[in-house]
């Protein structure tokens, strides 16, 4: 197993763990923990994709991490009531 395989595998494991726990209702999909799993997982999988020169997966995993960052920001930003 190469370095890229190890990094990518850890990333994908983080993403799938969050999805699995959310599916079983053991983790809510709008929590900081869920988004952190996805940010770390997406970033690691993106880095692994860069290492193997896979542009489509680099874009996919990079966007996965960016969307998770936006979700985390929405979670930690106080809501303004109207």
PDB file of N, CA and C in Angstrom:
ATOM      1  N   UNK A   1       0.854  -1.173   0.000  1.00  0.00           N
ATOM      2  CA  UNK A   1       0.000   0.000   0.000  1.00  0.00           C
ATOM      3  C   UNK A   1       0.899   1.235   0.000  1.00  0.00           C
ATOM      4  N   UNK A   2       0.604   2.163  -0.896  1.00  0.00           N
ATOM      5  CA  UNK A   2       1.414   3.377  -1.013  1.00  0.00           C
ATOM      6  C   UNK A   2       0.958   4.434  -0.014  1.00  0.00           C
ATOM      7  N   UNK A   3       1.773   5.470   0.115  1.00  0.00           N
ATOM      8  CA  UNK A   3       1.437   6.602   0.968  1.00  0.00           C
ATOM      9  C   UNK A   3       0.112   7.222   0.532  1.00  0.00           C
ATOM     10  N   UNK A   4      -0.079   7.393  -0.777  1.00  0.00           N
ATOM     11  CA  UNK A   4      -1.325   7.967  -1.302  1.00  0.00           C
ATOM     12  C   UNK A   4      -2.518   7.088  -0.935  1.00  0.00           C
ATOM     13  N   UNK A   5      -2.348   5.771  -0.994  1.00  0.00           N
ATOM     14  CA  UNK A   5      -3.427   4.855  -0.622  1.00  0.00           C
ATOM     15  C   UNK A   5      -3.786   4.997   0.854  1.00  0.00           C
ATOM     16  N   UNK A   6      -2.788   5.118   1.684  1.00  0.00           N
ATOM     17  CA  UNK A   6      -3.034   5.234   3.129  1.00  0.00           C
ATOM     18  C   UNK A   6      -3.768   6.533   3.444  1.00  0.00           C
ATOM     19  N   UNK A   7      -3.277   7.642   2.893  1.00  0.00           N
ATOM     20  CA  UNK A   7      -3.909   8.948   3.137  1.00  0.00           C
ATOM     21  C   UNK A   7      -5.351   8.935   2.635  1.00  0.00           C
ATOM     22  N   UNK A   8      -5.553   8.462   1.420  1.00  0.00           N
ATOM     23  CA  UNK A   8      -6.898   8.413   0.841  1.00  0.00           C
ATOM     24  C   UNK A   8      -7.821   7.499   1.636  1.00  0.00           C
ATOM     25  N   UNK A   9      -7.304   6.371   2.077  1.00  0.00           N
ATOM     26  CA  UNK A   9      -8.118   5.419   2.850  1.00  0.00           C
ATOM     27  C   UNK A   9      -8.567   6.006   4.173  1.00  0.00           C
ATOM     28  N   UNK A  10      -7.685   6.734   4.839  1.00  0.00           N
ATOM     29  CA  UNK A  10      -8.066   7.391   6.091  1.00  0.00           C
ATOM     30  C   UNK A  10      -9.157   8.434   5.824  1.00  0.00           C
ATOM     31  N   UNK A  11      -8.991   9.205   4.759  1.00  0.00           N
ATOM     32  CA  UNK A  11      -9.983  10.213   4.404  1.00  0.00           C
ATOM     33  C   UNK A  11     -11.344   9.619   4.097  1.00  0.00           C
ATOM     34  N   UNK A  12     -11.346   8.594   3.269  1.00  0.00           N
ATOM     35  CA  UNK A  12     -12.610   7.950   2.897  1.00  0.00           C
ATOM     36  C   UNK A  12     -13.252   7.293   4.123  1.00  0.00           C
ATOM     37  N   UNK A  13     -12.443   6.741   5.006  1.00  0.00           N
ATOM     38  CA  UNK A  13     -12.975   6.140   6.231  1.00  0.00           C
ATOM     39  C   UNK A  13     -13.662   7.192   7.095  1.00  0.00           C
ATOM     40  N   UNK A  14     -13.087   8.380   7.189  1.00  0.00           N
ATOM     41  CA  UNK A  14     -13.723   9.470   7.956  1.00  0.00           C
ATOM     42  C   UNK A  14     -15.084   9.840   7.363  1.00  0.00           C
ATOM     43  N   UNK A  15     -15.123   9.998   6.042  1.00  0.00           N
ATOM     44  CA  UNK A  15     -16.374  10.365   5.368  1.00  0.00           C
ATOM     45  C   UNK A  15     -17.427   9.277   5.557  1.00  0.00           C
ATOM     46  N   UNK A  16     -17.050   8.040   5.333  1.00  0.00           N
ATOM     47  CA  UNK A  16     -18.010   6.937   5.447  1.00  0.00           C
ATOM     48  C   UNK A  16     -18.458   6.708   6.882  1.00  0.00           C
ATOM     49  N   UNK A  17     -17.571   6.944   7.841  1.00  0.00           N
ATOM     50  CA  UNK A  17     -17.951   6.814   9.254  1.00  0.00           C
ATOM     51  C   UNK A  17     -19.030   7.830   9.606  1.00  0.00           C
ATOM     52  N   UNK A  18     -18.844   9.076   9.169  1.00  0.00           N
ATOM     53  CA  UNK A  18     -19.853  10.106   9.432  1.00  0.00           C
ATOM     54  C   UNK A  18     -21.180   9.736   8.788  1.00  0.00           C
ATOM     55  N   UNK A  19     -21.137   9.275   7.546  1.00  0.00           N
ATOM     56  CA  UNK A  19     -22.358   8.890   6.843  1.00  0.00           C
ATOM     57  C   UNK A  19     -23.044   7.709   7.530  1.00  0.00           C
ATOM     58  N   UNK A  20     -22.265   6.709   7.905  1.00  0.00           N
ATOM     59  CA  UNK A  20     -22.802   5.522   8.581  1.00  0.00           C
ATOM     60  C   UNK A  20     -23.459   5.899   9.909  1.00  0.00           C
ATOM     61  N   UNK A  21     -22.766   6.702  10.710  1.00  0.00           N
ATOM     62  CA  UNK A  21     -23.321   7.103  12.005  1.00  0.00           C
ATOM     63  C   UNK A  21     -24.574   7.960  11.841  1.00  0.00           C
ATOM     64  N   UNK A  22     -24.595   8.818  10.841  1.00  0.00           N
ATOM     65  CA  UNK A  22     -25.786   9.640  10.587  1.00  0.00           C
ATOM     66  C   UNK A  22     -26.945   8.771  10.108  1.00  0.00           C
ATOM     67  N   UNK A  23     -26.656   7.784   9.278  1.00  0.00           N
ATOM     68  CA  UNK A  23     -27.700   6.889   8.779  1.00  0.00           C
ATOM     69  C   UNK A  23     -28.334   6.093   9.916  1.00  0.00           C
ATOM     70  N   UNK A  24     -27.521   5.682  10.879  1.00  0.00           N
ATOM     71  CA  UNK A  24     -28.032   4.932  12.028  1.00  0.00           C
ATOM     72  C   UNK A  24     -28.591   5.837  13.124  1.00  0.00           C
ATOM     73  N   UNK A  25     -28.623   7.143  12.859  1.00  0.00           N
ATOM     74  CA  UNK A  25     -29.117   8.142  13.812  1.00  0.00           C
ATOM     75  C   UNK A  25     -28.281   8.190  15.093  1.00  0.00           C
ATOM     76  N   UNK A  26     -27.006   7.816  14.986  1.00  0.00           N
ATOM     77  CA  UNK A  26     -26.094   7.903  16.118  1.00  0.00           C
ATOM     78  C   UNK A  26     -25.342   9.232  16.120  1.00  0.00           C
ATOM     79  N   UNK A  27     -25.430   9.953  15.018  1.00  0.00           N
ATOM     80  CA  UNK A  27     -24.793  11.248  14.864  1.00  0.00           C
ATOM     81  C   UNK A  27     -25.703  12.099  13.988  1.00  0.00           C
ATOM     82  N   UNK A  28     -26.042  13.281  14.470  1.00  0.00           N
ATOM     83  CA  UNK A  28     -26.885  14.171  13.666  1.00  0.00           C
ATOM     84  C   UNK A  28     -26.058  14.804  12.563  1.00  0.00           C
ATOM     85  N   UNK A  29     -26.672  14.941  11.395  1.00  0.00           N
ATOM     86  CA  UNK A  29     -25.973  15.464  10.215  1.00  0.00           C
ATOM     87  C   UNK A  29     -25.786  16.974  10.252  1.00  0.00           C
ATOM     88  N   UNK A  30     -26.241  17.633  11.292  1.00  0.00           N
ATOM     89  CA  UNK A  30     -26.058  19.085  11.383  1.00  0.00           C
ATOM     90  C   UNK A  30     -25.214  19.463  12.600  1.00  0.00           C
ATOM     91  N   UNK A  31     -24.308  18.541  12.984  1.00  0.00           N
ATOM     92  CA  UNK A  31     -23.457  18.797  14.147  1.00  0.00           C
ATOM     93  C   UNK A  31     -22.028  19.115  13.723  1.00  0.00           C
ATOM     94  N   UNK A  32     -21.306  19.731  14.640  1.00  0.00           N
ATOM     95  CA  UNK A  32     -19.901  20.049  14.387  1.00  0.00           C
ATOM     96  C   UNK A  32     -19.100  18.778  14.118  1.00  0.00           C
ATOM     97  N   UNK A  33     -19.380  17.730  14.872  1.00  0.00           N
ATOM     98  CA  UNK A  33     -18.648  16.474  14.702  1.00  0.00           C
ATOM     99  C   UNK A  33     -18.828  15.912  13.296  1.00  0.00           C
ATOM    100  N   UNK A  34     -20.054  15.918  12.800  1.00  0.00           N
ATOM    101  CA  UNK A  34     -20.335  15.422  11.458  1.00  0.00           C
ATOM    102  C   UNK A  34     -19.545  16.214  10.417  1.00  0.00           C
ATOM    103  N   UNK A  35     -19.572  17.528  10.541  1.00  0.00           N
ATOM    104  CA  UNK A  35     -18.865  18.361   9.575  1.00  0.00           C
ATOM    105  C   UNK A  35     -17.353  18.206   9.690  1.00  0.00           C
ATOM    106  N   UNK A  36     -16.844  18.058  10.908  1.00  0.00           N
ATOM    107  CA  UNK A  36     -15.404  17.862  11.081  1.00  0.00           C
ATOM    108  C   UNK A  36     -14.937  16.550  10.451  1.00  0.00           C
ATOM    109  N   UNK A  37     -15.706  15.482  10.641  1.00  0.00           N
ATOM    110  CA  UNK A  37     -15.392  14.209   9.981  1.00  0.00           C
ATOM    111  C   UNK A  37     -15.304  14.417   8.464  1.00  0.00           C
ATOM    112  N   UNK A  38     -16.257  15.152   7.914  1.00  0.00           N
ATOM    113  CA  UNK A  38     -16.300  15.374   6.468  1.00  0.00           C
ATOM    114  C   UNK A  38     -15.190  16.311   5.981  1.00  0.00           C
ATOM    115  N   UNK A  39     -14.853  17.318   6.769  1.00  0.00           N
ATOM    116  CA  UNK A  39     -13.759  18.220   6.397  1.00  0.00           C
ATOM    117  C   UNK A  39     -12.435  17.465   6.379  1.00  0.00           C
ATOM    118  N   UNK A  40     -12.158  16.752   7.453  1.00  0.00           N
ATOM    119  CA  UNK A  40     -10.906  15.993   7.534  1.00  0.00           C
ATOM    120  C   UNK A  40     -10.867  14.919   6.454  1.00  0.00           C
ATOM    121  N   UNK A  41     -11.970  14.185   6.322  1.00  0.00           N
ATOM    122  CA  UNK A  41     -12.028  13.127   5.322  1.00  0.00           C
ATOM    123  C   UNK A  41     -11.888  13.648   3.907  1.00  0.00           C
ATOM    124  N   UNK A  42     -12.611  14.709   3.596  1.00  0.00           N
ATOM    125  CA  UNK A  42     -12.536  15.295   2.256  1.00  0.00           C
ATOM    126  C   UNK A  42     -11.158  15.845   1.949  1.00  0.00           C
ATOM    127  N   UNK A  43     -10.549  16.499   2.940  1.00  0.00           N
ATOM    128  CA  UNK A  43      -9.215  17.072   2.733  1.00  0.00           C
ATOM    129  C   UNK A  43      -8.174  15.976   2.514  1.00  0.00           C
ATOM    130  N   UNK A  44      -8.233  14.923   3.311  1.00  0.00           N
ATOM    131  CA  UNK A  44      -7.275  13.819   3.141  1.00  0.00           C
ATOM    132  C   UNK A  44      -7.479  13.094   1.815  1.00  0.00           C
ATOM    133  N   UNK A  45      -8.728  12.842   1.464  1.00  0.00           N
ATOM    134  CA  UNK A  45      -9.005  12.180   0.181  1.00  0.00           C
ATOM    135  C   UNK A  45      -8.601  13.074  -0.985  1.00  0.00           C
ATOM    136  N   UNK A  46      -8.779  14.373  -0.842  1.00  0.00           N
ATOM    137  CA  UNK A  46      -8.350  15.324  -1.874  1.00  0.00           C
ATOM    138  C   UNK A  46      -6.834  15.278  -2.026  1.00  0.00           C
ATOM    139  N   UNK A  47      -6.127  15.298  -0.932  1.00  0.00           N
ATOM    140  CA  UNK A  47      -4.672  15.229  -0.964  1.00  0.00           C
ATOM    141  C   UNK A  47      -4.205  13.921  -1.607  1.00  0.00           C
ATOM    142  N   UNK A  48      -4.853  12.816  -1.237  1.00  0.00           N
ATOM    143  CA  UNK A  48      -4.516  11.535  -1.860  1.00  0.00           C
ATOM    144  C   UNK A  48      -4.764  11.554  -3.360  1.00  0.00           C
ATOM    145  N   UNK A  49      -5.820  12.211  -3.781  1.00  0.00           N
ATOM    146  CA  UNK A  49      -6.125  12.326  -5.212  1.00  0.00           C
ATOM    147  C   UNK A  49      -5.092  13.170  -5.936  1.00  0.00           C
ATOM    148  N   UNK A  50      -4.599  14.193  -5.268  1.00  0.00           N
ATOM    149  CA  UNK A  50      -3.530  15.013  -5.850  1.00  0.00           C
ATOM    150  C   UNK A  50      -2.275  14.159  -6.040  1.00  0.00           C
ATOM    151  N   UNK A  51      -1.978  13.344  -5.043  1.00  0.00           N
ATOM    152  CA  UNK A  51      -0.778  12.503  -5.114  1.00  0.00           C
ATOM    153  C   UNK A  51      -0.811  11.522  -6.282  1.00  0.00           C
ATOM    154  N   UNK A  52      -2.012  11.073  -6.655  1.00  0.00           N
ATOM    155  CA  UNK A  52      -2.100  10.122  -7.778  1.00  0.00           C
ATOM    156  C   UNK A  52      -2.515  10.813  -9.076  1.00  0.00           C
ATOM    157  N   UNK A  53      -2.567  12.131  -9.041  1.00  0.00           N
ATOM    158  CA  UNK A  53      -2.873  12.937 -10.237  1.00  0.00           C
ATOM    159  C   UNK A  53      -4.247  12.619 -10.835  1.00  0.00           C
ATOM    160  N   UNK A  54      -5.240  12.485  -9.968  1.00  0.00           N
ATOM    161  CA  UNK A  54      -6.604  12.232 -10.420  1.00  0.00           C
ATOM    162  C   UNK A  54      -7.420  13.518 -10.281  1.00  0.00           C
ATOM    163  N   UNK A  55      -7.489  14.271 -11.362  1.00  0.00           N
ATOM    164  CA  UNK A  55      -8.157  15.580 -11.341  1.00  0.00           C
ATOM    165  C   UNK A  55      -9.635  15.478 -10.951  1.00  0.00           C
ATOM    166  N   UNK A  56     -10.424  14.561 -11.533  1.00  0.00           N
ATOM    167  CA  UNK A  56     -11.846  14.519 -11.157  1.00  0.00           C
ATOM    168  C   UNK A  56     -12.054  14.268  -9.662  1.00  0.00           C
ATOM    169  N   UNK A  57     -11.274  13.362  -9.083  1.00  0.00           N
ATOM    170  CA  UNK A  57     -11.445  13.084  -7.655  1.00  0.00           C
ATOM    171  C   UNK A  57     -10.858  14.193  -6.788  1.00  0.00           C
ATOM    172  N   UNK A  58      -9.862  14.886  -7.283  1.00  0.00           N
ATOM    173  CA  UNK A  58      -9.347  16.047  -6.560  1.00  0.00           C
ATOM    174  C   UNK A  58     -10.437  17.105  -6.453  1.00  0.00           C
ATOM    175  N   UNK A  59     -11.133  17.351  -7.557  1.00  0.00           N
ATOM    176  CA  UNK A  59     -12.231  18.320  -7.558  1.00  0.00           C
ATOM    177  C   UNK A  59     -13.359  17.854  -6.641  1.00  0.00           C
ATOM    178  N   UNK A  60     -13.754  16.594  -6.769  1.00  0.00           N
ATOM    179  CA  UNK A  60     -14.836  16.044  -5.955  1.00  0.00           C
ATOM    180  C   UNK A  60     -14.530  16.161  -4.466  1.00  0.00           C
ATOM    181  N   UNK A  61     -13.374  15.676  -4.064  1.00  0.00           N
ATOM    182  CA  UNK A  61     -13.037  15.660  -2.639  1.00  0.00           C
ATOM    183  C   UNK A  61     -12.746  17.064  -2.111  1.00  0.00           C
ATOM    184  N   UNK A  62     -12.166  17.906  -2.963  1.00  0.00           N
ATOM    185  CA  UNK A  62     -11.946  19.293  -2.556  1.00  0.00           C
ATOM    186  C   UNK A  62     -13.253  20.013  -2.297  1.00  0.00           C
ATOM    187  N   UNK A  63     -14.212  19.820  -3.198  1.00  0.00           N
ATOM    188  CA  UNK A  63     -15.527  20.432  -3.010  1.00  0.00           C
ATOM    189  C   UNK A  63     -16.251  19.841  -1.802  1.00  0.00           C
ATOM    190  N   UNK A  64     -16.045  18.548  -1.571  1.00  0.00           N
ATOM    191  CA  UNK A  64     -16.642  17.890  -0.400  1.00  0.00           C
ATOM    192  C   UNK A  64     -16.174  18.607   0.872  1.00  0.00           C
ATOM    193  N   UNK A  65     -14.889  18.868   0.955  1.00  0.00           N
ATOM    194  CA  UNK A  65     -14.334  19.550   2.123  1.00  0.00           C
ATOM    195  C   UNK A  65     -14.851  20.987   2.218  1.00  0.00           C
ATOM    196  N   UNK A  66     -14.932  21.687   1.097  1.00  0.00           N
ATOM    197  CA  UNK A  66     -15.411  23.076   1.088  1.00  0.00           C
ATOM    198  C   UNK A  66     -16.869  23.146   1.552  1.00  0.00           C
ATOM    199  N   UNK A  67     -17.699  22.256   1.040  1.00  0.00           N
ATOM    200  CA  UNK A  67     -19.116  22.247   1.446  1.00  0.00           C
ATOM    201  C   UNK A  67     -19.233  21.936   2.940  1.00  0.00           C
ATOM    202  N   UNK A  68     -18.403  21.025   3.428  1.00  0.00           N
ATOM    203  CA  UNK A  68     -18.423  20.702   4.858  1.00  0.00           C
ATOM    204  C   UNK A  68     -17.968  21.899   5.692  1.00  0.00           C
ATOM    205  N   UNK A  69     -17.005  22.665   5.185  1.00  0.00           N
ATOM    206  CA  UNK A  69     -16.566  23.876   5.886  1.00  0.00           C
ATOM    207  C   UNK A  69     -17.719  24.879   5.961  1.00  0.00           C
ATOM    208  N   UNK A  70     -18.435  25.053   4.864  1.00  0.00           N
ATOM    209  CA  UNK A  70     -19.600  25.958   4.858  1.00  0.00           C
ATOM    210  C   UNK A  70     -20.633  25.471   5.873  1.00  0.00           C
ATOM    211  N   UNK A  71     -20.882  24.172   5.905  1.00  0.00           N
ATOM    212  CA  UNK A  71     -21.822  23.621   6.879  1.00  0.00           C
ATOM    213  C   UNK A  71     -21.376  23.858   8.310  1.00  0.00           C
ATOM    214  N   UNK A  72     -20.077  23.697   8.562  1.00  0.00           N
ATOM    215  CA  UNK A  72     -19.553  23.938   9.908  1.00  0.00           C
ATOM    216  C   UNK A  72     -19.709  25.405  10.291  1.00  0.00           C
ATOM    217  N   UNK A  73     -19.414  26.291   9.368  1.00  0.00           N
ATOM    218  CA  UNK A  73     -19.563  27.730   9.635  1.00  0.00           C
ATOM    219  C   UNK A  73     -21.014  28.055   9.963  1.00  0.00           C
ATOM    220  N   UNK A  74     -21.949  27.489   9.207  1.00  0.00           N
ATOM    221  CA  UNK A  74     -23.377  27.725   9.482  1.00  0.00           C
ATOM    222  C   UNK A  74     -23.765  27.172  10.856  1.00  0.00           C
ATOM    223  N   UNK A  75     -23.124  26.101  11.267  1.00  0.00           N
ATOM    224  CA  UNK A  75     -23.427  25.492  12.567  1.00  0.00           C
ATOM    225  C   UNK A  75     -22.921  26.339  13.725  1.00  0.00           C
ATOM    226  N   UNK A  76     -21.748  26.950  13.565  1.00  0.00           N
ATOM    227  CA  UNK A  76     -21.161  27.696  14.668  1.00  0.00           C
ATOM    228  C   UNK A  76     -21.511  29.186  14.667  1.00  0.00           C
ATOM    229  N   UNK A  77     -22.086  29.670  13.555  1.00  0.00           N
ATOM    230  CA  UNK A  77     -22.478  31.075  13.479  1.00  0.00           C
ATOM    231  C   UNK A  77     -23.818  31.275  14.169  1.00  0.00           C
ATOM    232  N   UNK A  78     -23.897  32.242  15.077  1.00  0.00           N
ATOM    233  CA  UNK A  78     -25.185  32.476  15.756  1.00  0.00           C
ATOM    234  C   UNK A  78     -26.271  32.870  14.741  1.00  0.00           C
ATOM    235  N   UNK A  79     -27.435  32.327  14.959  1.00  0.00           N
ATOM    236  CA  UNK A  79     -28.553  32.642  14.085  1.00  0.00           C
ATOM    237  C   UNK A  79     -29.208  33.943  14.530  1.00  0.00           C
ATOM    238  N   UNK A  80     -29.502  34.776  13.567  1.00  0.00           N
ATOM    239  CA  UNK A  80     -30.156  36.069  13.844  1.00  0.00           C
ATOM    240  C   UNK A  80     -31.655  35.861  13.679  1.00  0.00           C
ATOM    241  N   UNK A  81     -32.399  36.176  14.731  1.00  0.00           N
ATOM    242  CA  UNK A  81     -33.851  36.045  14.633  1.00  0.00           C
ATOM    243  C   UNK A  81     -34.426  37.336  14.062  1.00  0.00           C
ATOM    244  N   UNK A  82     -35.459  37.159  13.277  1.00  0.00           N
ATOM    245  CA  UNK A  82     -36.081  38.321  12.617  1.00  0.00           C
ATOM    246  C   UNK A  82     -37.367  38.689  13.291  1.00  0.00           C
TER     247      UNK A  82
END
